[in-house]
Amino acid sequence: MDNPVTPRDAGRPGPRRRDRHGRGMRGPVAPPQVPLAASRGEVFADLVQDSVERLERRWPQLADIDFLVLDVPRLEGPGEPWADDSVPLGGTVPSRDGQRGRVVVYRRPVEIRTKGRDERAALVHEVVVEQVAELLGLTPETVDPRYGEE
């Protein structure tokens, strides 16, 4: 043989194929397209999006409003508690100076108040309807005639 094959450098680490106990490397529990792989935040954002899509069929002007999901509400100022000692489930920011109006839904306060997915979806829809009604200056029953029935 004229051209000997040079062995791979033994001192250079390659990809690790086994863990320290001799088992193979572990992978994800479920593939990304399976709902099990979705985080709680992603599932919650999907609930908000479903609620918004339900309302957009009736109110096309909602396309001009941004809908956001935040984990928890912020205090207004350093050390200032909310006025009535209750944690808000959502909030609004009216449009001004060329900025779009916003509806914010707070994930953790809603999750704490619900037990299952169906109950959570109903509460998310109520919060979205209430915040949209506040932003548009209407009653929640006007925004969604089925408000309060669920």
Protein backbone atom coordinates (compact mmCIF):
# COMPACT_ATOMS: atom_id res chain seq x y z
CA MET A 1 0.00 0.00 0.00
CA ASP A 2 1.43 3.26 -1.10
CA ASN A 3 -1.06 5.54 0.68
CA PRO A 4 -1.50 4.49 4.27
CA VAL A 5 -4.68 5.68 6.00
CA THR A 6 -3.85 7.88 8.91
CA PRO A 7 -5.85 7.01 12.02
CA ARG A 8 -8.06 9.63 13.55
CA ASP A 9 -6.26 11.59 16.24
CA ALA A 10 -6.97 9.68 19.46
CA GLY A 11 -6.36 12.78 21.60
CA ARG A 12 -9.06 14.83 19.85
CA PRO A 13 -12.53 14.27 21.30
CA GLY A 14 -15.22 13.29 18.83
CA PRO A 15 -18.95 13.19 19.22
CA ARG A 16 -19.93 11.41 22.38
CA ARG A 17 -21.93 8.27 21.66
CA ARG A 18 -22.38 6.99 25.22
CA ASP A 19 -22.91 8.59 28.59
CA ARG A 20 -20.71 7.82 31.57
CA HIS A 21 -22.83 4.79 32.51
CA GLY A 22 -22.42 3.14 29.11
CA ARG A 23 -25.95 3.93 27.92
CA GLY A 24 -26.71 5.65 24.67
CA MET A 25 -27.41 9.35 24.49
CA ARG A 26 -30.96 10.27 25.42
CA GLY A 27 -33.22 12.06 23.05
CA PRO A 28 -36.51 13.90 23.35
CA VAL A 29 -39.48 12.09 24.88
CA ALA A 30 -41.73 13.06 21.99
CA PRO A 31 -41.13 14.48 18.51
CA PRO A 32 -41.70 18.23 18.15
CA GLN A 33 -44.95 17.87 16.18
CA VAL A 34 -46.67 16.00 19.03
CA PRO A 35 -48.67 18.17 21.48
CA LEU A 36 -46.70 16.69 24.39
CA ALA A 37 -43.67 18.62 23.16
CA ALA A 38 -45.45 22.00 23.36
CA SER A 39 -44.61 24.07 26.42
CA ARG A 40 -47.30 25.42 28.75
CA GLY A 41 -46.65 28.91 27.41
CA GLU A 42 -47.15 27.76 23.81
CA VAL A 43 -50.38 25.94 24.69
CA PHE A 44 -51.64 29.05 26.51
CA ALA A 45 -50.75 31.30 23.55
CA ASP A 46 -52.72 28.91 21.31
CA LEU A 47 -55.77 29.31 23.58
CA VAL A 48 -55.51 33.10 23.31
CA GLN A 49 -55.12 32.86 19.53
CA ASP A 50 -58.18 30.60 19.26
CA SER A 51 -60.22 33.10 21.26
CA VAL A 52 -59.03 36.00 19.12
CA GLU A 53 -59.87 34.12 15.91
CA ARG A 54 -63.40 33.49 17.25
CA LEU A 55 -63.86 37.19 17.87
CA GLU A 56 -62.23 38.37 14.61
CA ARG A 57 -65.00 36.74 12.59
CA ARG A 58 -67.46 39.15 14.21
CA TRP A 59 -65.13 42.14 14.73
CA PRO A 60 -62.73 42.63 11.76
CA GLN A 61 -61.22 45.73 13.41
CA LEU A 62 -59.43 43.40 15.85
CA ALA A 63 -56.83 42.92 13.12
CA ASP A 64 -55.50 46.35 14.20
CA ILE A 65 -54.96 45.20 17.80
CA ASP A 66 -51.94 43.28 19.08
CA PHE A 67 -52.65 40.41 21.47
CA LEU A 68 -49.87 39.54 23.89
CA VAL A 69 -49.31 36.88 26.52
CA LEU A 70 -47.14 37.75 29.52
CA ASP A 71 -46.35 35.41 32.38
CA VAL A 72 -47.26 37.79 35.20
CA PRO A 73 -48.39 41.41 35.48
CA ARG A 74 -45.84 44.04 36.41
CA LEU A 75 -46.22 46.39 39.32
CA GLU A 76 -46.95 49.95 38.26
CA GLY A 77 -44.13 51.39 40.30
CA PRO A 78 -41.47 50.07 42.63
CA GLY A 79 -43.21 48.51 45.61
CA GLU A 80 -46.70 49.74 44.66
CA PRO A 81 -49.33 47.01 45.02
CA TRP A 82 -52.39 46.91 42.80
CA ALA A 83 -55.15 49.21 43.97
CA ASP A 84 -57.65 46.54 45.07
CA ASP A 85 -55.17 43.83 46.18
CA SER A 86 -56.26 41.44 43.41
CA VAL A 87 -54.03 40.20 40.64
CA PRO A 88 -55.30 41.18 37.17
CA LEU A 89 -55.89 38.46 34.56
CA GLY A 90 -55.49 40.85 31.63
CA GLY A 91 -54.97 44.43 30.62
CA THR A 92 -55.23 46.87 27.74
CA VAL A 93 -53.05 49.56 26.23
CA PRO A 94 -55.03 51.95 24.00
CA SER A 95 -53.64 52.97 20.63
CA ARG A 96 -51.88 56.33 20.53
CA ASP A 97 -49.14 58.16 18.64
CA GLY A 98 -49.30 55.71 15.74
CA GLN A 99 -48.92 52.64 17.97
CA ARG A 100 -51.48 49.88 17.80
CA GLY A 101 -53.73 49.04 20.72
CA ARG A 102 -52.79 46.01 22.80
CA VAL A 103 -54.62 43.39 24.78
CA VAL A 104 -52.48 41.53 27.31
CA VAL A 105 -53.43 38.23 28.96
CA TYR A 106 -51.42 37.12 31.99
CA ARG A 107 -50.69 33.39 31.85
CA ARG A 108 -49.81 32.46 35.44
CA PRO A 109 -52.80 34.13 37.17
CA VAL A 110 -55.17 32.43 34.71
CA GLU A 111 -53.47 29.04 35.09
CA ILE A 112 -53.64 29.24 38.90
CA ARG A 113 -57.39 29.87 38.80
CA THR A 114 -58.21 26.92 36.51
CA LYS A 115 -57.91 23.16 36.86
CA GLY A 116 -58.20 21.75 33.34
CA ARG A 117 -57.76 22.71 29.71
CA ASP A 118 -61.48 23.32 29.08
CA GLU A 119 -61.84 25.52 32.14
CA ARG A 120 -58.66 27.39 31.17
CA ALA A 121 -59.92 27.93 27.61
CA ALA A 122 -63.21 29.34 28.93
CA LEU A 123 -61.44 31.73 31.32
CA VAL A 124 -59.00 32.86 28.62
CA HIS A 125 -61.93 33.62 26.31
CA GLU A 126 -63.69 35.60 29.07
CA VAL A 127 -60.54 37.63 29.74
CA VAL A 128 -60.01 38.35 26.04
CA VAL A 129 -63.66 39.37 25.59
CA GLU A 130 -63.54 41.68 28.63
CA GLN A 131 -60.31 43.35 27.50
CA VAL A 132 -61.53 43.79 23.91
CA ALA A 133 -64.78 45.28 25.23
CA GLU A 134 -62.80 47.72 27.37
CA LEU A 135 -60.57 48.70 24.46
CA LEU A 136 -63.51 49.20 22.07
CA GLY A 137 -65.70 50.92 24.71
CA LEU A 138 -68.44 48.27 24.51
CA THR A 139 -70.01 45.80 26.91
CA PRO A 140 -68.68 42.23 26.93
CA GLU A 141 -72.13 40.94 25.89
CA THR A 142 -71.93 43.12 22.77
CA VAL A 143 -68.48 41.78 21.86
CA ASP A 144 -69.54 38.15 22.36
CA PRO A 145 -73.25 37.36 22.82
CA ARG A 146 -72.33 34.07 24.53
CA TYR A 147 -70.29 35.89 27.20
CA GLY A 148 -71.05 34.55 30.67
CA GLU A 149 -72.96 31.48 29.45
CA GLU A 150 -70.08 29.00 29.74
